[in-house]
Amino acid sequence: MKDDTVRNDAPLVSMKIAIHLTSLSRATIYRRIAERKFPPLVDLGGRRIAFHREELDRWIANPGSYQPPA
């Protein structure tokens, strides 16, 4: 599978896929994470990060009222 392919059943998605799905820039995503207005990152180690697909889908469904998990 190519790196830019979006799988709907993947539990984690890369930053590249998150950018594609949300149409936000990397800088905007990091800013919204800092403001707690975007799903938090998952540290995979070795400079790799991802997002939980379920949380990302919740944000996509209603970005204005998204609340990250406690």
PDB file of N, CA and C in Angstrom:
ATOM      1  N   MET A   1       0.852  -1.174   0.000  1.00  0.00           N
ATOM      2  CA  MET A   1       0.000   0.000   0.000  1.00  0.00           C
ATOM      3  C   MET A   1       0.892   1.229   0.000  1.00  0.00           C
ATOM      4  N   LYS A   2       0.536   2.214  -0.796  1.00  0.00           N
ATOM      5  CA  LYS A   2       1.286   3.459  -0.845  1.00  0.00           C
ATOM      6  C   LYS A   2       1.063   4.253   0.433  1.00  0.00           C
ATOM      7  N   ASP A   3       2.040   5.055   0.807  1.00  0.00           N
ATOM      8  CA  ASP A   3       1.977   5.842   2.029  1.00  0.00           C
ATOM      9  C   ASP A   3       0.834   6.836   2.040  1.00  0.00           C
ATOM     10  N   ASP A   4       0.408   7.326   0.877  1.00  0.00           N
ATOM     11  CA  ASP A   4      -0.647   8.337   0.831  1.00  0.00           C
ATOM     12  C   ASP A   4      -2.040   7.747   0.653  1.00  0.00           C
ATOM     13  N   THR A   5      -2.167   6.442   0.748  1.00  0.00           N
ATOM     14  CA  THR A   5      -3.461   5.782   0.634  1.00  0.00           C
ATOM     15  C   THR A   5      -4.195   5.865   1.970  1.00  0.00           C
ATOM     16  N   VAL A   6      -5.459   6.210   1.933  1.00  0.00           N
ATOM     17  CA  VAL A   6      -6.266   6.314   3.145  1.00  0.00           C
ATOM     18  C   VAL A   6      -7.040   5.022   3.325  1.00  0.00           C
ATOM     19  N   ARG A   7      -6.788   4.341   4.439  1.00  0.00           N
ATOM     20  CA  ARG A   7      -7.536   3.134   4.774  1.00  0.00           C
ATOM     21  C   ARG A   7      -8.547   3.503   5.853  1.00  0.00           C
ATOM     22  N   ASN A   8      -9.795   3.202   5.623  1.00  0.00           N
ATOM     23  CA  ASN A   8     -10.833   3.545   6.591  1.00  0.00           C
ATOM     24  C   ASN A   8     -10.789   2.683   7.835  1.00  0.00           C
ATOM     25  N   ASP A   9     -10.143   1.516   7.780  1.00  0.00           N
ATOM     26  CA  ASP A   9     -10.131   0.633   8.933  1.00  0.00           C
ATOM     27  C   ASP A   9      -8.858   0.759   9.767  1.00  0.00           C
ATOM     28  N   ALA A  10      -7.940   1.635   9.391  1.00  0.00           N
ATOM     29  CA  ALA A  10      -6.694   1.803  10.129  1.00  0.00           C
ATOM     30  C   ALA A  10      -6.971   2.520  11.454  1.00  0.00           C
ATOM     31  N   PRO A  11      -6.515   1.970  12.589  1.00  0.00           N
ATOM     32  CA  PRO A  11      -6.780   2.614  13.880  1.00  0.00           C
ATOM     33  C   PRO A  11      -5.949   3.877  14.095  1.00  0.00           C
ATOM     34  N   LEU A  12      -4.814   3.992  13.408  1.00  0.00           N
ATOM     35  CA  LEU A  12      -3.960   5.166  13.500  1.00  0.00           C
ATOM     36  C   LEU A  12      -3.718   5.727  12.106  1.00  0.00           C
ATOM     37  N   VAL A  13      -3.611   7.038  12.024  1.00  0.00           N
ATOM     38  CA  VAL A  13      -3.306   7.670  10.733  1.00  0.00           C
ATOM     39  C   VAL A  13      -2.134   8.624  10.912  1.00  0.00           C
ATOM     40  N   SER A  14      -1.337   8.756   9.886  1.00  0.00           N
ATOM     41  CA  SER A  14      -0.153   9.612   9.913  1.00  0.00           C
ATOM     42  C   SER A  14      -0.544  11.080   9.814  1.00  0.00           C
ATOM     43  N   MET A  15       0.427  11.933  10.070  1.00  0.00           N
ATOM     44  CA  MET A  15       0.206  13.371   9.914  1.00  0.00           C
ATOM     45  C   MET A  15      -0.160  13.684   8.465  1.00  0.00           C
ATOM     46  N   LYS A  16       0.498  13.034   7.532  1.00  0.00           N
ATOM     47  CA  LYS A  16       0.230  13.267   6.116  1.00  0.00           C
ATOM     48  C   LYS A  16      -1.231  12.965   5.780  1.00  0.00           C
ATOM     49  N   ILE A  17      -1.758  11.884   6.297  1.00  0.00           N
ATOM     50  CA  ILE A  17      -3.155  11.513   6.059  1.00  0.00           C
ATOM     51  C   ILE A  17      -4.082  12.492   6.773  1.00  0.00           C
ATOM     52  N   ALA A  18      -3.726  12.900   7.999  1.00  0.00           N
ATOM     53  CA  ALA A  18      -4.547  13.871   8.741  1.00  0.00           C
ATOM     54  C   ALA A  18      -4.639  15.186   7.974  1.00  0.00           C
ATOM     55  N   ILE A  19      -3.535  15.622   7.392  1.00  0.00           N
ATOM     56  CA  ILE A  19      -3.545  16.840   6.584  1.00  0.00           C
ATOM     57  C   ILE A  19      -4.483  16.664   5.397  1.00  0.00           C
ATOM     58  N   HIS A  20      -4.401  15.518   4.759  1.00  0.00           N
ATOM     59  CA  HIS A  20      -5.265  15.239   3.601  1.00  0.00           C
ATOM     60  C   HIS A  20      -6.744  15.215   4.004  1.00  0.00           C
ATOM     61  N   LEU A  21      -7.062  14.552   5.101  1.00  0.00           N
ATOM     62  CA  LEU A  21      -8.461  14.402   5.517  1.00  0.00           C
ATOM     63  C   LEU A  21      -9.082  15.708   6.013  1.00  0.00           C
ATOM     64  N   THR A  22      -8.279  16.545   6.657  1.00  0.00           N
ATOM     65  CA  THR A  22      -8.815  17.764   7.265  1.00  0.00           C
ATOM     66  C   THR A  22      -8.627  19.013   6.412  1.00  0.00           C
ATOM     67  N   SER A  23      -7.755  18.950   5.431  1.00  0.00           N
ATOM     68  CA  SER A  23      -7.393  20.108   4.604  1.00  0.00           C
ATOM     69  C   SER A  23      -6.756  21.218   5.422  1.00  0.00           C
ATOM     70  N   LEU A  24      -6.173  20.876   6.565  1.00  0.00           N
ATOM     71  CA  LEU A  24      -5.443  21.836   7.386  1.00  0.00           C
ATOM     72  C   LEU A  24      -3.954  21.685   7.123  1.00  0.00           C
ATOM     73  N   SER A  25      -3.203  22.751   7.340  1.00  0.00           N
ATOM     74  CA  SER A  25      -1.755  22.659   7.214  1.00  0.00           C
ATOM     75  C   SER A  25      -1.177  22.010   8.473  1.00  0.00           C
ATOM     76  N   ARG A  26       0.059  21.557   8.369  1.00  0.00           N
ATOM     77  CA  ARG A  26       0.760  20.970   9.514  1.00  0.00           C
ATOM     78  C   ARG A  26       0.832  21.986  10.658  1.00  0.00           C
ATOM     79  N   ALA A  27       1.162  23.241  10.337  1.00  0.00           N
ATOM     80  CA  ALA A  27       1.271  24.284  11.366  1.00  0.00           C
ATOM     81  C   ALA A  27      -0.063  24.518  12.061  1.00  0.00           C
ATOM     82  N   THR A  28      -1.152  24.535  11.298  1.00  0.00           N
ATOM     83  CA  THR A  28      -2.481  24.731  11.888  1.00  0.00           C
ATOM     84  C   THR A  28      -2.848  23.573  12.795  1.00  0.00           C
ATOM     85  N   ILE A  29      -2.534  22.363  12.382  1.00  0.00           N
ATOM     86  CA  ILE A  29      -2.816  21.194  13.219  1.00  0.00           C
ATOM     87  C   ILE A  29      -2.060  21.299  14.541  1.00  0.00           C
ATOM     88  N   TYR A  30      -0.765  21.609  14.498  1.00  0.00           N
ATOM     89  CA  TYR A  30       0.013  21.744  15.733  1.00  0.00           C
ATOM     90  C   TYR A  30      -0.528  22.865  16.617  1.00  0.00           C
ATOM     91  N   ARG A  31      -0.931  23.976  16.011  1.00  0.00           N
ATOM     92  CA  ARG A  31      -1.489  25.083  16.795  1.00  0.00           C
ATOM     93  C   ARG A  31      -2.789  24.651  17.479  1.00  0.00           C
ATOM     94  N   ARG A  32      -3.653  23.956  16.750  1.00  0.00           N
ATOM     95  CA  ARG A  32      -4.927  23.517  17.342  1.00  0.00           C
ATOM     96  C   ARG A  32      -4.717  22.444  18.409  1.00  0.00           C
ATOM     97  N   ILE A  33      -3.708  21.615  18.251  1.00  0.00           N
ATOM     98  CA  ILE A  33      -3.379  20.642  19.303  1.00  0.00           C
ATOM     99  C   ILE A  33      -2.992  21.391  20.574  1.00  0.00           C
ATOM    100  N   ALA A  34      -2.150  22.416  20.439  1.00  0.00           N
ATOM    101  CA  ALA A  34      -1.726  23.210  21.595  1.00  0.00           C
ATOM    102  C   ALA A  34      -2.908  23.908  22.265  1.00  0.00           C
ATOM    103  N   GLU A  35      -3.906  24.288  21.473  1.00  0.00           N
ATOM    104  CA  GLU A  35      -5.111  24.949  21.998  1.00  0.00           C
ATOM    105  C   GLU A  35      -6.141  23.947  22.492  1.00  0.00           C
ATOM    106  N   ARG A  36      -5.839  22.652  22.392  1.00  0.00           N
ATOM    107  CA  ARG A  36      -6.752  21.559  22.758  1.00  0.00           C
ATOM    108  C   ARG A  36      -8.034  21.610  21.919  1.00  0.00           C
ATOM    109  N   LYS A  37      -7.885  21.937  20.633  1.00  0.00           N
ATOM    110  CA  LYS A  37      -9.005  21.992  19.704  1.00  0.00           C
ATOM    111  C   LYS A  37      -8.833  20.991  18.567  1.00  0.00           C
ATOM    112  N   PHE A  38      -7.976  19.995  18.790  1.00  0.00           N
ATOM    113  CA  PHE A  38      -7.690  18.975  17.782  1.00  0.00           C
ATOM    114  C   PHE A  38      -7.241  17.730  18.527  1.00  0.00           C
ATOM    115  N   PRO A  39      -7.476  16.552  17.966  1.00  0.00           N
ATOM    116  CA  PRO A  39      -7.048  15.320  18.648  1.00  0.00           C
ATOM    117  C   PRO A  39      -5.556  15.320  18.957  1.00  0.00           C
ATOM    118  N   PRO A  40      -5.187  14.790  20.111  1.00  0.00           N
ATOM    119  CA  PRO A  40      -3.762  14.758  20.483  1.00  0.00           C
ATOM    120  C   PRO A  40      -2.976  13.756  19.640  1.00  0.00           C
ATOM    121  N   LEU A  41      -1.678  13.984  19.590  1.00  0.00           N
ATOM    122  CA  LEU A  41      -0.778  13.089  18.874  1.00  0.00           C
ATOM    123  C   LEU A  41      -0.531  11.816  19.673  1.00  0.00           C
ATOM    124  N   VAL A  42      -0.232  10.759  18.959  1.00  0.00           N
ATOM    125  CA  VAL A  42       0.208   9.503  19.562  1.00  0.00           C
ATOM    126  C   VAL A  42       1.671   9.354  19.181  1.00  0.00           C
ATOM    127  N   ASP A  43       2.553   9.280  20.180  1.00  0.00           N
ATOM    128  CA  ASP A  43       3.980   9.130  19.927  1.00  0.00           C
ATOM    129  C   ASP A  43       4.282   7.661  19.662  1.00  0.00           C
ATOM    130  N   LEU A  44       4.741   7.361  18.464  1.00  0.00           N
ATOM    131  CA  LEU A  44       5.060   5.990  18.087  1.00  0.00           C
ATOM    132  C   LEU A  44       6.534   5.675  18.292  1.00  0.00           C
ATOM    133  N   GLY A  45       7.303   6.649  18.727  1.00  0.00           N
ATOM    134  CA  GLY A  45       8.734   6.469  18.938  1.00  0.00           C
ATOM    135  C   GLY A  45       9.515   6.686  17.659  1.00  0.00           C
ATOM    136  N   GLY A  46      10.777   6.975  17.818  1.00  0.00           N
ATOM    137  CA  GLY A  46      11.630   7.155  16.661  1.00  0.00           C
ATOM    138  C   GLY A  46      11.189   8.264  15.731  1.00  0.00           C
ATOM    139  N   ARG A  47      10.742   9.374  16.289  1.00  0.00           N
ATOM    140  CA  ARG A  47      10.268  10.539  15.521  1.00  0.00           C
ATOM    141  C   ARG A  47       9.013  10.262  14.708  1.00  0.00           C
ATOM    142  N   ARG A  48       8.276   9.235  15.037  1.00  0.00           N
ATOM    143  CA  ARG A  48       7.031   8.930  14.327  1.00  0.00           C
ATOM    144  C   ARG A  48       5.850   9.276  15.225  1.00  0.00           C
ATOM    145  N   ILE A  49       4.867   9.911  14.615  1.00  0.00           N
ATOM    146  CA  ILE A  49       3.650  10.277  15.335  1.00  0.00           C
ATOM    147  C   ILE A  49       2.451   9.870  14.486  1.00  0.00           C
ATOM    148  N   ALA A  50       1.296   9.817  15.141  1.00  0.00           N
ATOM    149  CA  ALA A  50       0.058   9.470  14.444  1.00  0.00           C
ATOM    150  C   ALA A  50      -1.103  10.052  15.242  1.00  0.00           C
ATOM    151  N   PHE A  51      -2.284   9.850  14.708  1.00  0.00           N
ATOM    152  CA  PHE A  51      -3.520  10.240  15.381  1.00  0.00           C
ATOM    153  C   PHE A  51      -4.415   9.024  15.449  1.00  0.00           C
ATOM    154  N   HIS A  52      -5.195   8.917  16.525  1.00  0.00           N
ATOM    155  CA  HIS A  52      -6.219   7.870  16.578  1.00  0.00           C
ATOM    156  C   HIS A  52      -7.283   8.231  15.546  1.00  0.00           C
ATOM    157  N   ARG A  53      -7.591   7.301  14.667  1.00  0.00           N
ATOM    158  CA  ARG A  53      -8.550   7.559  13.590  1.00  0.00           C
ATOM    159  C   ARG A  53      -9.925   7.924  14.151  1.00  0.00           C
ATOM    160  N   GLU A  54     -10.328   7.253  15.215  1.00  0.00           N
ATOM    161  CA  GLU A  54     -11.636   7.524  15.817  1.00  0.00           C
ATOM    162  C   GLU A  54     -11.739   8.974  16.303  1.00  0.00           C
ATOM    163  N   GLU A  55     -10.687   9.477  16.944  1.00  0.00           N
ATOM    164  CA  GLU A  55     -10.685  10.868  17.411  1.00  0.00           C
ATOM    165  C   GLU A  55     -10.665  11.842  16.239  1.00  0.00           C
ATOM    166  N   LEU A  56      -9.885  11.510  15.229  1.00  0.00           N
ATOM    167  CA  LEU A  56      -9.827  12.364  14.048  1.00  0.00           C
ATOM    168  C   LEU A  56     -11.197  12.425  13.365  1.00  0.00           C
ATOM    169  N   ASP A  57     -11.879  11.301  13.280  1.00  0.00           N
ATOM    170  CA  ASP A  57     -13.222  11.273  12.696  1.00  0.00           C
ATOM    171  C   ASP A  57     -14.208  12.105  13.522  1.00  0.00           C
ATOM    172  N   ARG A  58     -14.065  12.067  14.853  1.00  0.00           N
ATOM    173  CA  ARG A  58     -14.926  12.900  15.716  1.00  0.00           C
ATOM    174  C   ARG A  58     -14.691  14.376  15.432  1.00  0.00           C
ATOM    175  N   TRP A  59     -13.421  14.767  15.250  1.00  0.00           N
ATOM    176  CA  TRP A  59     -13.114  16.162  14.942  1.00  0.00           C
ATOM    177  C   TRP A  59     -13.685  16.545  13.578  1.00  0.00           C
ATOM    178  N   ILE A  60     -13.515  15.693  12.590  1.00  0.00           N
ATOM    179  CA  ILE A  60     -14.012  15.973  11.245  1.00  0.00           C
ATOM    180  C   ILE A  60     -15.526  16.149  11.254  1.00  0.00           C
ATOM    181  N   ALA A  61     -16.227  15.343  12.050  1.00  0.00           N
ATOM    182  CA  ALA A  61     -17.686  15.408  12.119  1.00  0.00           C
ATOM    183  C   ALA A  61     -18.182  16.725  12.713  1.00  0.00           C
ATOM    184  N   ASN A  62     -17.423  17.301  13.656  1.00  0.00           N
ATOM    185  CA  ASN A  62     -17.866  18.531  14.304  1.00  0.00           C
ATOM    186  C   ASN A  62     -16.658  19.284  14.870  1.00  0.00           C
ATOM    187  N   PRO A  63     -15.884  19.936  14.025  1.00  0.00           N
ATOM    188  CA  PRO A  63     -14.654  20.581  14.497  1.00  0.00           C
ATOM    189  C   PRO A  63     -14.876  21.726  15.485  1.00  0.00           C
ATOM    190  N   GLY A  64     -15.986  22.407  15.391  1.00  0.00           N
ATOM    191  CA  GLY A  64     -16.237  23.552  16.265  1.00  0.00           C
ATOM    192  C   GLY A  64     -16.491  23.188  17.710  1.00  0.00           C
ATOM    193  N   SER A  65     -17.001  22.023  17.975  1.00  0.00           N
ATOM    194  CA  SER A  65     -17.308  21.644  19.359  1.00  0.00           C
ATOM    195  C   SER A  65     -16.498  20.435  19.825  1.00  0.00           C
ATOM    196  N   TYR A  66     -15.406  20.138  19.147  1.00  0.00           N
ATOM    197  CA  TYR A  66     -14.582  18.985  19.529  1.00  0.00           C
ATOM    198  C   TYR A  66     -13.935  19.217  20.885  1.00  0.00           C
ATOM    199  N   GLN A  67     -13.985  18.209  21.722  1.00  0.00           N
ATOM    200  CA  GLN A  67     -13.295  18.198  23.013  1.00  0.00           C
ATOM    201  C   GLN A  67     -12.417  16.967  23.050  1.00  0.00           C
ATOM    202  N   PRO A  68     -11.091  17.132  23.247  1.00  0.00           N
ATOM    203  CA  PRO A  68     -10.212  15.962  23.295  1.00  0.00           C
ATOM    204  C   PRO A  68     -10.514  15.109  24.526  1.00  0.00           C
ATOM    205  N   PRO A  69     -10.125  13.847  24.485  1.00  0.00           N
ATOM    206  CA  PRO A  69     -10.353  12.984  25.647  1.00  0.00           C
ATOM    207  C   PRO A  69      -9.603  13.489  26.864  1.00  0.00           C
ATOM    208  N   ALA A  70     -10.146  13.253  28.029  1.00  0.00           N
ATOM    209  CA  ALA A  70      -9.530  13.737  29.275  1.00  0.00           C
ATOM    210  C   ALA A  70      -8.261  13.021  29.617  1.00  0.00           C
TER     211      ALA A  70
END
